[in-house]
Each structure stands twice: as C-alpha cells, then as structure tokens.
Amino acid sequence: MKKVGIALGILFVVFALAFYGFDRLGGNNPILIELVDSPPPTLSGRTYKGIPLDKKMAETFQEIEALVPLNPGKKIHTIYYLEPAGKLDTLVVFVGLDLPFPVGDLESKSFLESSYLLATIRGNKWVMPGPDTVKGELEKFAKEKNLTLTGIFIDKIISEEEVQVIAPIR
C-alpha cells in the first residue's frame, strides 16, 4: 500500500511540474480577439505550391525573410490555402509582407473587405494553440457577433512568441 501511495505522490509531483512549466511558457494564455474596422493589409509576396519537404518552399520563405530588413516594421504574413495532411501532400501557401505595392516581381494580395477579426496569441511556440484551435475561436467569436468570415486566415508572425491571425469579414 505504501508503494502505491509513493507512486501516486511522485506522479502528482510530475504532473504538477509539467503543468507549471506549460503555464510558465504561456500554454494557458488566452487567445485575444478583437474586431478591427479597417481593411486587412495589402500583401506583397509569393505563392508556393508543392510539398513541404521541397527546397523551393524554403527558398520562398527565405526570399521574403530577406525583404524584412529592407522594410523596417513590416512582418511576414502567410496564407495557407491548402494545408497538407502529410509531408508528401501538396500545400498552397502565400508568403508575403504587408507592403502596399509589390516590390520587383512579387505578386500582390489585396482584400475588398472593410473589417476583420484579429486574434493575438502569445506564448512559447511549443505551447501555442494550433491553427485549428485559433480558427475555431475566431469562428465562434464571429458567430456570437453575427459576423460572416471569408474563410481566409492570414497568419502574421510578430515574433517567436507572438502570432496574430487576421480573419477578413464579409
């Protein structure tokens, strides 16, 4: 009986420490959602279509990342039009910066919507909620406010510990 009690005590301590670490890394931080009454930003970048393991995908991201120092204050945005189920499935992703006009031969993405929902997620990248969780929270918020989302979700990478998701409203 003592062994069971000791094992349960150790198990409790392990779970308590794991929860404490999860919490300290930001795992319990709420997803902050607000309504913004202005159009989503115009983006300039590239669309990649292929598999996640292809080096062209890495090159696409590196090309846009190289533009960040040339455009102070601008952040990388991604739009996943088609997310892969596995590493060998096709994905379609747009990677760009919030620039009003395309630089060089970059493509431009502008949005006709006049407002959007902005979700802010803060925490360590290991404990941040996944895209489906954030999408679900945005859809729930929109439903509560009788808003209709376009179905496009734009990830704005602020830092390694902060991401914003822009969801245009019809």
N, C-alpha and C. Protein backbone atom coordinates (compact mmCIF):
# COMPACT_ATOMS: atom_id res chain seq x y z
N MET A 1 0.83 -1.20 0.00
CA MET A 1 0.00 0.00 0.00
C MET A 1 0.87 1.26 0.00
N LYS A 2 2.01 1.19 0.71
CA LYS A 2 2.91 2.34 0.76
C LYS A 2 3.48 2.64 -0.63
N LYS A 3 3.78 1.58 -1.40
CA LYS A 3 4.34 1.77 -2.74
C LYS A 3 3.36 2.50 -3.65
N VAL A 4 2.09 2.16 -3.54
CA VAL A 4 1.06 2.82 -4.34
C VAL A 4 0.98 4.29 -3.95
N GLY A 5 1.01 4.58 -2.68
CA GLY A 5 0.96 5.97 -2.20
C GLY A 5 2.16 6.76 -2.67
N ILE A 6 3.35 6.17 -2.61
CA ILE A 6 4.56 6.84 -3.07
C ILE A 6 4.49 7.08 -4.58
N ALA A 7 4.06 6.06 -5.32
CA ALA A 7 3.93 6.20 -6.78
C ALA A 7 2.94 7.29 -7.15
N LEU A 8 1.81 7.34 -6.45
CA LEU A 8 0.82 8.40 -6.71
C LEU A 8 1.38 9.77 -6.35
N GLY A 9 2.13 9.85 -5.27
CA GLY A 9 2.75 11.12 -4.88
C GLY A 9 3.73 11.60 -5.93
N ILE A 10 4.57 10.69 -6.42
CA ILE A 10 5.54 11.05 -7.46
C ILE A 10 4.82 11.46 -8.74
N LEU A 11 3.79 10.72 -9.10
CA LEU A 11 3.00 11.04 -10.29
C LEU A 11 2.37 12.42 -10.16
N PHE A 12 1.85 12.73 -8.99
CA PHE A 12 1.25 14.05 -8.75
C PHE A 12 2.30 15.15 -8.91
N VAL A 13 3.50 14.95 -8.35
CA VAL A 13 4.57 15.95 -8.45
C VAL A 13 4.97 16.15 -9.92
N VAL A 14 5.08 15.06 -10.67
CA VAL A 14 5.45 15.16 -12.09
C VAL A 14 4.38 15.95 -12.85
N PHE A 15 3.11 15.63 -12.64
CA PHE A 15 2.04 16.37 -13.32
C PHE A 15 2.02 17.84 -12.90
N ALA A 16 2.25 18.11 -11.62
CA ALA A 16 2.26 19.50 -11.14
C ALA A 16 3.40 20.28 -11.79
N LEU A 17 4.58 19.67 -11.88
CA LEU A 17 5.71 20.34 -12.52
C LEU A 17 5.46 20.55 -14.02
N ALA A 18 4.88 19.56 -14.67
CA ALA A 18 4.57 19.69 -16.10
C ALA A 18 3.56 20.82 -16.33
N PHE A 19 2.53 20.88 -15.51
CA PHE A 19 1.54 21.94 -15.65
C PHE A 19 2.17 23.30 -15.38
N TYR A 20 3.03 23.38 -14.35
CA TYR A 20 3.70 24.64 -14.03
C TYR A 20 4.55 25.10 -15.23
N GLY A 21 5.32 24.18 -15.82
CA GLY A 21 6.13 24.52 -16.98
C GLY A 21 5.28 24.96 -18.17
N PHE A 22 4.21 24.24 -18.42
CA PHE A 22 3.28 24.57 -19.50
C PHE A 22 2.72 25.98 -19.30
N ASP A 23 2.32 26.27 -18.07
CA ASP A 23 1.75 27.58 -17.75
C ASP A 23 2.79 28.68 -17.88
N ARG A 24 4.01 28.45 -17.40
CA ARG A 24 5.07 29.47 -17.46
C ARG A 24 5.46 29.78 -18.91
N LEU A 25 5.34 28.79 -19.79
CA LEU A 25 5.66 29.01 -21.20
C LEU A 25 4.52 29.71 -21.95
N GLY A 26 3.39 29.91 -21.29
CA GLY A 26 2.27 30.61 -21.92
C GLY A 26 1.20 29.69 -22.45
N GLY A 27 1.20 28.45 -22.04
CA GLY A 27 0.22 27.49 -22.54
C GLY A 27 -1.21 27.78 -22.14
N ASN A 28 -1.39 28.56 -21.09
CA ASN A 28 -2.75 28.90 -20.64
C ASN A 28 -3.14 30.32 -21.02
N ASN A 29 -2.29 31.00 -21.81
CA ASN A 29 -2.63 32.36 -22.23
C ASN A 29 -3.88 32.32 -23.12
N PRO A 30 -4.79 33.26 -22.91
CA PRO A 30 -6.00 33.28 -23.74
C PRO A 30 -5.69 33.78 -25.16
N ILE A 31 -6.54 33.40 -26.09
CA ILE A 31 -6.48 33.94 -27.45
C ILE A 31 -7.31 35.22 -27.41
N LEU A 32 -6.64 36.36 -27.62
CA LEU A 32 -7.32 37.65 -27.58
C LEU A 32 -7.87 37.96 -28.97
N ILE A 33 -9.17 38.23 -29.05
CA ILE A 33 -9.81 38.50 -30.34
C ILE A 33 -10.47 39.87 -30.30
N GLU A 34 -10.23 40.66 -31.34
CA GLU A 34 -10.86 41.98 -31.44
C GLU A 34 -11.33 42.22 -32.86
N LEU A 35 -12.32 43.09 -32.99
CA LEU A 35 -12.85 43.49 -34.29
C LEU A 35 -12.13 44.76 -34.72
N VAL A 36 -11.57 44.75 -35.92
CA VAL A 36 -10.84 45.90 -36.44
C VAL A 36 -11.64 46.45 -37.62
N ASP A 37 -12.01 47.73 -37.54
CA ASP A 37 -12.82 48.36 -38.59
C ASP A 37 -11.94 49.05 -39.63
N SER A 38 -11.11 48.28 -40.28
CA SER A 38 -10.33 48.76 -41.41
C SER A 38 -10.02 47.55 -42.28
N PRO A 39 -9.70 47.78 -43.55
CA PRO A 39 -9.43 46.64 -44.43
C PRO A 39 -8.19 45.87 -43.98
N PRO A 40 -8.14 44.58 -44.25
CA PRO A 40 -6.91 43.83 -43.99
C PRO A 40 -5.76 44.44 -44.80
N PRO A 41 -4.53 44.28 -44.34
CA PRO A 41 -3.41 44.88 -45.07
C PRO A 41 -3.22 44.26 -46.46
N THR A 42 -2.74 45.07 -47.38
CA THR A 42 -2.35 44.58 -48.69
C THR A 42 -1.01 43.89 -48.54
N LEU A 43 -0.87 42.74 -49.16
CA LEU A 43 0.35 41.95 -49.02
C LEU A 43 1.07 41.82 -50.36
N SER A 44 2.38 41.76 -50.29
CA SER A 44 3.21 41.50 -51.47
C SER A 44 4.10 40.31 -51.16
N GLY A 45 4.09 39.33 -52.05
CA GLY A 45 4.89 38.14 -51.78
C GLY A 45 4.83 37.12 -52.88
N ARG A 46 4.95 35.86 -52.49
CA ARG A 46 4.97 34.75 -53.44
C ARG A 46 4.04 33.64 -52.98
N THR A 47 3.47 32.94 -53.94
CA THR A 47 2.67 31.75 -53.65
C THR A 47 3.52 30.53 -53.98
N TYR A 48 3.57 29.60 -53.05
CA TYR A 48 4.28 28.34 -53.26
C TYR A 48 3.26 27.22 -53.32
N LYS A 49 3.41 26.36 -54.32
CA LYS A 49 2.57 25.16 -54.43
C LYS A 49 3.50 23.97 -54.60
N GLY A 50 3.39 23.04 -53.69
CA GLY A 50 4.25 21.86 -53.75
C GLY A 50 4.17 21.11 -52.44
N ILE A 51 5.18 20.30 -52.18
CA ILE A 51 5.20 19.54 -50.94
C ILE A 51 6.06 20.28 -49.91
N PRO A 52 5.76 20.10 -48.62
CA PRO A 52 6.51 20.81 -47.58
C PRO A 52 8.01 20.52 -47.58
N LEU A 53 8.43 19.36 -48.04
CA LEU A 53 9.85 18.99 -47.99
C LEU A 53 10.66 19.55 -49.16
N ASP A 54 10.01 20.16 -50.14
CA ASP A 54 10.69 20.69 -51.31
C ASP A 54 11.53 21.90 -50.91
N LYS A 55 12.76 21.97 -51.44
CA LYS A 55 13.64 23.10 -51.09
C LYS A 55 13.10 24.42 -51.64
N LYS A 56 12.23 24.37 -52.65
CA LYS A 56 11.66 25.61 -53.19
C LYS A 56 10.77 26.30 -52.16
N MET A 57 10.15 25.52 -51.27
CA MET A 57 9.35 26.14 -50.22
C MET A 57 10.25 26.94 -49.28
N ALA A 58 11.36 26.35 -48.87
CA ALA A 58 12.30 27.05 -48.00
C ALA A 58 12.83 28.30 -48.71
N GLU A 59 13.11 28.19 -50.00
CA GLU A 59 13.60 29.34 -50.76
C GLU A 59 12.56 30.46 -50.82
N THR A 60 11.29 30.09 -50.94
CA THR A 60 10.22 31.09 -50.96
C THR A 60 10.20 31.87 -49.65
N PHE A 61 10.25 31.15 -48.53
CA PHE A 61 10.26 31.82 -47.23
C PHE A 61 11.52 32.67 -47.06
N GLN A 62 12.68 32.15 -47.47
CA GLN A 62 13.94 32.89 -47.33
C GLN A 62 13.93 34.16 -48.17
N GLU A 63 13.34 34.10 -49.36
CA GLU A 63 13.26 35.29 -50.21
C GLU A 63 12.47 36.40 -49.52
N ILE A 64 11.35 36.05 -48.91
CA ILE A 64 10.52 37.05 -48.23
C ILE A 64 11.20 37.51 -46.95
N GLU A 65 11.81 36.58 -46.21
CA GLU A 65 12.53 36.95 -44.99
C GLU A 65 13.66 37.94 -45.29
N ALA A 66 14.29 37.83 -46.46
CA ALA A 66 15.37 38.74 -46.84
C ALA A 66 14.86 40.17 -47.05
N LEU A 67 13.57 40.33 -47.31
CA LEU A 67 12.99 41.66 -47.51
C LEU A 67 12.67 42.38 -46.20
N VAL A 68 12.59 41.64 -45.10
CA VAL A 68 12.20 42.24 -43.81
C VAL A 68 13.18 43.34 -43.39
N PRO A 69 14.50 43.13 -43.42
CA PRO A 69 15.41 44.21 -43.02
C PRO A 69 15.33 45.45 -43.92
N LEU A 70 14.91 45.25 -45.17
CA LEU A 70 14.79 46.37 -46.11
C LEU A 70 13.51 47.16 -45.91
N ASN A 71 12.59 46.62 -45.12
CA ASN A 71 11.29 47.24 -44.87
C ASN A 71 11.02 47.23 -43.36
N PRO A 72 11.68 48.12 -42.61
CA PRO A 72 11.54 48.12 -41.15
C PRO A 72 10.08 48.22 -40.70
N GLY A 73 9.75 47.43 -39.69
CA GLY A 73 8.40 47.45 -39.14
C GLY A 73 7.43 46.52 -39.85
N LYS A 74 7.83 45.96 -40.97
CA LYS A 74 6.96 45.05 -41.71
C LYS A 74 7.16 43.63 -41.19
N LYS A 75 6.10 42.85 -41.23
CA LYS A 75 6.12 41.49 -40.70
C LYS A 75 5.75 40.49 -41.78
N ILE A 76 6.21 39.26 -41.61
CA ILE A 76 5.88 38.19 -42.55
C ILE A 76 4.45 37.73 -42.30
N HIS A 77 3.71 37.56 -43.38
CA HIS A 77 2.33 37.05 -43.34
C HIS A 77 2.27 35.77 -44.18
N THR A 78 1.48 34.82 -43.74
CA THR A 78 1.27 33.61 -44.52
C THR A 78 -0.23 33.33 -44.63
N ILE A 79 -0.62 32.83 -45.79
CA ILE A 79 -1.99 32.38 -46.02
C ILE A 79 -1.90 30.95 -46.56
N TYR A 80 -2.38 30.00 -45.78
CA TYR A 80 -2.39 28.61 -46.22
C TYR A 80 -3.73 28.33 -46.89
N TYR A 81 -3.70 28.24 -48.23
CA TYR A 81 -4.92 27.96 -48.98
C TYR A 81 -5.24 26.47 -48.96
N LEU A 82 -4.20 25.66 -48.95
CA LEU A 82 -4.36 24.21 -48.91
C LEU A 82 -3.28 23.67 -48.00
N GLU A 83 -3.70 23.11 -46.86
CA GLU A 83 -2.73 22.57 -45.91
C GLU A 83 -2.59 21.08 -46.14
N PRO A 84 -1.35 20.59 -46.07
CA PRO A 84 -1.13 19.17 -46.33
C PRO A 84 -1.53 18.30 -45.14
N ALA A 85 -1.99 17.11 -45.43
CA ALA A 85 -2.29 16.15 -44.37
C ALA A 85 -1.00 15.46 -43.93
N GLY A 86 -0.03 15.38 -44.82
CA GLY A 86 1.24 14.73 -44.52
C GLY A 86 2.38 15.44 -45.22
N LYS A 87 3.60 14.98 -44.99
CA LYS A 87 4.79 15.64 -45.53
C LYS A 87 4.92 15.51 -47.04
N LEU A 88 4.20 14.59 -47.64
CA LEU A 88 4.29 14.40 -49.09
C LEU A 88 3.03 14.85 -49.81
N ASP A 89 2.13 15.50 -49.09
CA ASP A 89 0.91 16.02 -49.71
C ASP A 89 1.14 17.46 -50.17
N THR A 90 0.39 17.88 -51.17
CA THR A 90 0.54 19.22 -51.73
C THR A 90 -0.01 20.28 -50.78
N LEU A 91 0.71 21.39 -50.71
CA LEU A 91 0.21 22.54 -49.99
C LEU A 91 0.31 23.76 -50.88
N VAL A 92 -0.55 24.74 -50.62
CA VAL A 92 -0.51 26.01 -51.32
C VAL A 92 -0.47 27.08 -50.25
N VAL A 93 0.62 27.86 -50.26
CA VAL A 93 0.80 28.89 -49.24
C VAL A 93 1.30 30.17 -49.90
N PHE A 94 0.75 31.29 -49.45
CA PHE A 94 1.23 32.60 -49.87
C PHE A 94 2.09 33.13 -48.73
N VAL A 95 3.27 33.63 -49.05
CA VAL A 95 4.18 34.21 -48.06
C VAL A 95 4.48 35.62 -48.51
N GLY A 96 4.24 36.60 -47.65
CA GLY A 96 4.48 37.98 -48.06
C GLY A 96 4.65 38.93 -46.90
N LEU A 97 4.85 40.18 -47.26
CA LEU A 97 4.97 41.28 -46.30
C LEU A 97 3.80 42.23 -46.50
N ASP A 98 3.49 42.99 -45.46
CA ASP A 98 2.41 43.97 -45.56
C ASP A 98 2.93 45.24 -46.23
N LEU A 99 3.10 45.14 -47.54
CA LEU A 99 3.55 46.26 -48.36
C LEU A 99 2.40 46.69 -49.27
N PRO A 100 2.15 47.98 -49.40
CA PRO A 100 1.02 48.43 -50.22
C PRO A 100 1.21 48.17 -51.72
N PHE A 101 2.49 48.13 -52.17
CA PHE A 101 2.77 47.90 -53.58
C PHE A 101 3.80 46.79 -53.69
N PRO A 102 3.66 45.91 -54.68
CA PRO A 102 4.63 44.83 -54.82
C PRO A 102 6.02 45.35 -55.18
N VAL A 103 7.02 44.72 -54.61
CA VAL A 103 8.41 45.06 -54.90
C VAL A 103 8.91 44.09 -55.96
N GLY A 104 9.52 44.61 -57.00
CA GLY A 104 10.05 43.74 -58.05
C GLY A 104 8.95 42.93 -58.71
N ASP A 105 9.16 41.62 -58.79
CA ASP A 105 8.19 40.75 -59.46
C ASP A 105 7.30 40.00 -58.47
N LEU A 106 7.14 40.54 -57.27
CA LEU A 106 6.27 39.90 -56.28
C LEU A 106 4.81 40.10 -56.67
N GLU A 107 3.98 39.16 -56.28
CA GLU A 107 2.54 39.29 -56.53
C GLU A 107 1.89 40.06 -55.37
N SER A 108 0.79 40.70 -55.66
CA SER A 108 0.08 41.49 -54.66
C SER A 108 -1.23 40.81 -54.27
N LYS A 109 -1.53 40.83 -52.99
CA LYS A 109 -2.81 40.30 -52.48
C LYS A 109 -3.50 41.44 -51.74
N SER A 110 -4.62 41.89 -52.29
CA SER A 110 -5.40 42.92 -51.60
C SER A 110 -6.77 42.34 -51.29
N PHE A 111 -7.42 42.91 -50.31
CA PHE A 111 -8.69 42.39 -49.82
C PHE A 111 -9.74 43.49 -49.90
N LEU A 112 -10.93 43.13 -50.37
CA LEU A 112 -12.01 44.09 -50.54
C LEU A 112 -12.80 44.31 -49.24
N GLU A 113 -12.64 43.43 -48.28
CA GLU A 113 -13.40 43.53 -47.03
C GLU A 113 -13.02 44.80 -46.27
N SER A 114 -13.98 45.34 -45.53
CA SER A 114 -13.74 46.60 -44.82
C SER A 114 -13.42 46.41 -43.34
N SER A 115 -13.46 45.17 -42.86
CA SER A 115 -13.11 44.91 -41.46
C SER A 115 -12.64 43.46 -41.32
N TYR A 116 -12.05 43.19 -40.17
CA TYR A 116 -11.55 41.84 -39.92
C TYR A 116 -11.46 41.58 -38.43
N LEU A 117 -11.39 40.30 -38.10
CA LEU A 117 -11.13 39.90 -36.72
C LEU A 117 -9.63 39.69 -36.59
N LEU A 118 -9.09 40.12 -35.46
CA LEU A 118 -7.67 39.98 -35.19
C LEU A 118 -7.50 39.16 -33.92
N ALA A 119 -6.90 37.99 -34.06
CA ALA A 119 -6.61 37.14 -32.90
C ALA A 119 -5.13 37.28 -32.58
N THR A 120 -4.82 37.52 -31.32
CA THR A 120 -3.44 37.63 -30.87
C THR A 120 -3.13 36.46 -29.95
N ILE A 121 -2.06 35.75 -30.27
CA ILE A 121 -1.66 34.59 -29.49
C ILE A 121 -0.25 34.85 -28.99
N ARG A 122 -0.06 34.75 -27.67
CA ARG A 122 1.25 34.96 -27.06
C ARG A 122 1.64 33.73 -26.26
N GLY A 123 2.87 33.33 -26.40
CA GLY A 123 3.38 32.19 -25.66
C GLY A 123 4.54 31.56 -26.41
N ASN A 124 5.21 30.64 -25.76
CA ASN A 124 6.29 29.92 -26.40
C ASN A 124 5.73 29.08 -27.55
N LYS A 125 6.49 28.98 -28.63
CA LYS A 125 5.99 28.27 -29.81
C LYS A 125 5.65 26.81 -29.53
N TRP A 126 6.21 26.23 -28.48
CA TRP A 126 5.95 24.83 -28.15
C TRP A 126 4.59 24.63 -27.49
N VAL A 127 4.02 25.71 -26.94
CA VAL A 127 2.74 25.56 -26.23
C VAL A 127 1.63 26.43 -26.81
N MET A 128 1.91 27.13 -27.92
CA MET A 128 0.86 27.93 -28.56
C MET A 128 -0.24 27.02 -29.08
N PRO A 129 -1.48 27.50 -29.07
CA PRO A 129 -2.56 26.69 -29.64
C PRO A 129 -2.34 26.50 -31.14
N GLY A 130 -2.82 25.39 -31.65
CA GLY A 130 -2.66 25.08 -33.07
C GLY A 130 -3.60 25.90 -33.94
N PRO A 131 -3.38 25.88 -35.26
CA PRO A 131 -4.20 26.65 -36.18
C PRO A 131 -5.68 26.32 -36.11
N ASP A 132 -6.01 25.05 -35.93
CA ASP A 132 -7.42 24.67 -35.87
C ASP A 132 -8.10 25.24 -34.63
N THR A 133 -7.37 25.31 -33.52
CA THR A 133 -7.92 25.89 -32.29
C THR A 133 -8.19 27.38 -32.48
N VAL A 134 -7.22 28.09 -33.06
CA VAL A 134 -7.37 29.54 -33.29
C VAL A 134 -8.51 29.79 -34.27
N LYS A 135 -8.56 29.02 -35.34
CA LYS A 135 -9.64 29.16 -36.34
C LYS A 135 -10.99 28.93 -35.67
N GLY A 136 -11.07 27.91 -34.83
CA GLY A 136 -12.32 27.62 -34.12
C GLY A 136 -12.75 28.77 -33.21
N GLU A 137 -11.79 29.37 -32.51
CA GLU A 137 -12.11 30.50 -31.63
C GLU A 137 -12.58 31.71 -32.44
N LEU A 138 -11.94 31.96 -33.58
CA LEU A 138 -12.37 33.07 -34.45
C LEU A 138 -13.77 32.83 -34.98
N GLU A 139 -14.05 31.61 -35.42
CA GLU A 139 -15.39 31.28 -35.94
C GLU A 139 -16.44 31.40 -34.84
N LYS A 140 -16.11 30.98 -33.63
CA LYS A 140 -17.04 31.08 -32.51
C LYS A 140 -17.32 32.55 -32.18
N PHE A 141 -16.27 33.38 -32.16
CA PHE A 141 -16.42 34.81 -31.89
C PHE A 141 -17.30 35.45 -32.96
N ALA A 142 -17.04 35.11 -34.24
CA ALA A 142 -17.82 35.67 -35.35
C ALA A 142 -19.28 35.27 -35.23
N LYS A 143 -19.55 34.04 -34.87
CA LYS A 143 -20.93 33.57 -34.73
C LYS A 143 -21.65 34.32 -33.61
N GLU A 144 -20.95 34.53 -32.49
CA GLU A 144 -21.54 35.26 -31.36
C GLU A 144 -21.89 36.70 -31.73
N LYS A 145 -21.10 37.29 -32.64
CA LYS A 145 -21.31 38.68 -33.04
C LYS A 145 -22.10 38.79 -34.35
N ASN A 146 -22.64 37.67 -34.84
CA ASN A 146 -23.38 37.63 -36.11
C ASN A 146 -22.57 38.16 -37.28
N LEU A 147 -21.32 37.73 -37.37
CA LEU A 147 -20.42 38.12 -38.45
C LEU A 147 -20.15 36.90 -39.33
N THR A 148 -19.87 37.15 -40.60
CA THR A 148 -19.54 36.07 -41.53
C THR A 148 -18.10 36.23 -41.99
N LEU A 149 -17.29 35.23 -41.73
CA LEU A 149 -15.89 35.26 -42.15
C LEU A 149 -15.77 34.80 -43.60
N THR A 150 -14.72 35.26 -44.28
CA THR A 150 -14.49 34.88 -45.68
C THR A 150 -13.91 33.47 -45.80
N GLY A 151 -13.34 32.97 -44.73
CA GLY A 151 -12.69 31.66 -44.78
C GLY A 151 -11.20 31.75 -45.01
N ILE A 152 -10.69 32.97 -45.18
CA ILE A 152 -9.25 33.18 -45.33
C ILE A 152 -8.70 33.57 -43.96
N PHE A 153 -7.60 32.92 -43.58
CA PHE A 153 -6.96 33.22 -42.30
C PHE A 153 -5.50 33.57 -42.59
N ILE A 154 -5.12 34.79 -42.25
CA ILE A 154 -3.79 35.30 -42.54
C ILE A 154 -2.98 35.29 -41.25
N ASP A 155 -1.90 34.52 -41.24
CA ASP A 155 -1.02 34.48 -40.07
C ASP A 155 0.01 35.59 -40.19
N LYS A 156 0.12 36.41 -39.16
CA LYS A 156 1.11 37.48 -39.11
C LYS A 156 2.09 37.13 -38.00
N ILE A 157 3.33 36.90 -38.37
CA ILE A 157 4.34 36.47 -37.41
C ILE A 157 5.00 37.72 -36.82
N ILE A 158 4.66 38.03 -35.57
CA ILE A 158 5.22 39.19 -34.89
C ILE A 158 6.60 38.85 -34.34
N SER A 159 6.70 37.74 -33.63
CA SER A 159 7.97 37.27 -33.06
C SER A 159 7.83 35.77 -32.81
N GLU A 160 8.87 35.17 -32.24
CA GLU A 160 8.78 33.73 -31.94
C GLU A 160 7.74 33.45 -30.87
N GLU A 161 7.38 34.48 -30.11
CA GLU A 161 6.43 34.28 -29.01
C GLU A 161 5.11 35.01 -29.21
N GLU A 162 4.90 35.56 -30.40
CA GLU A 162 3.63 36.23 -30.67
C GLU A 162 3.25 36.07 -32.14
N VAL A 163 2.02 35.64 -32.36
CA VAL A 163 1.47 35.50 -33.70
C VAL A 163 0.08 36.13 -33.69
N GLN A 164 -0.25 36.80 -34.79
CA GLN A 164 -1.60 37.33 -34.94
C GLN A 164 -2.24 36.63 -36.14
N VAL A 165 -3.54 36.41 -36.04
CA VAL A 165 -4.28 35.81 -37.15
C VAL A 165 -5.36 36.79 -37.56
N ILE A 166 -5.35 37.14 -38.84
CA ILE A 166 -6.31 38.09 -39.41
C ILE A 166 -7.36 37.29 -40.17
N ALA A 167 -8.63 37.51 -39.82
CA ALA A 167 -9.74 36.81 -40.48
C ALA A 167 -10.68 37.86 -41.07
N PRO A 168 -10.58 38.13 -42.38
CA PRO A 168 -11.46 39.13 -43.00
C PRO A 168 -12.93 38.76 -42.85
N ILE A 169 -13.76 39.81 -42.71
CA ILE A 169 -15.21 39.65 -42.52
C ILE A 169 -15.91 40.07 -43.80
N ARG A 170 -16.89 39.27 -44.25
CA ARG A 170 -17.67 39.62 -45.45
C ARG A 170 -18.56 40.79 -45.17
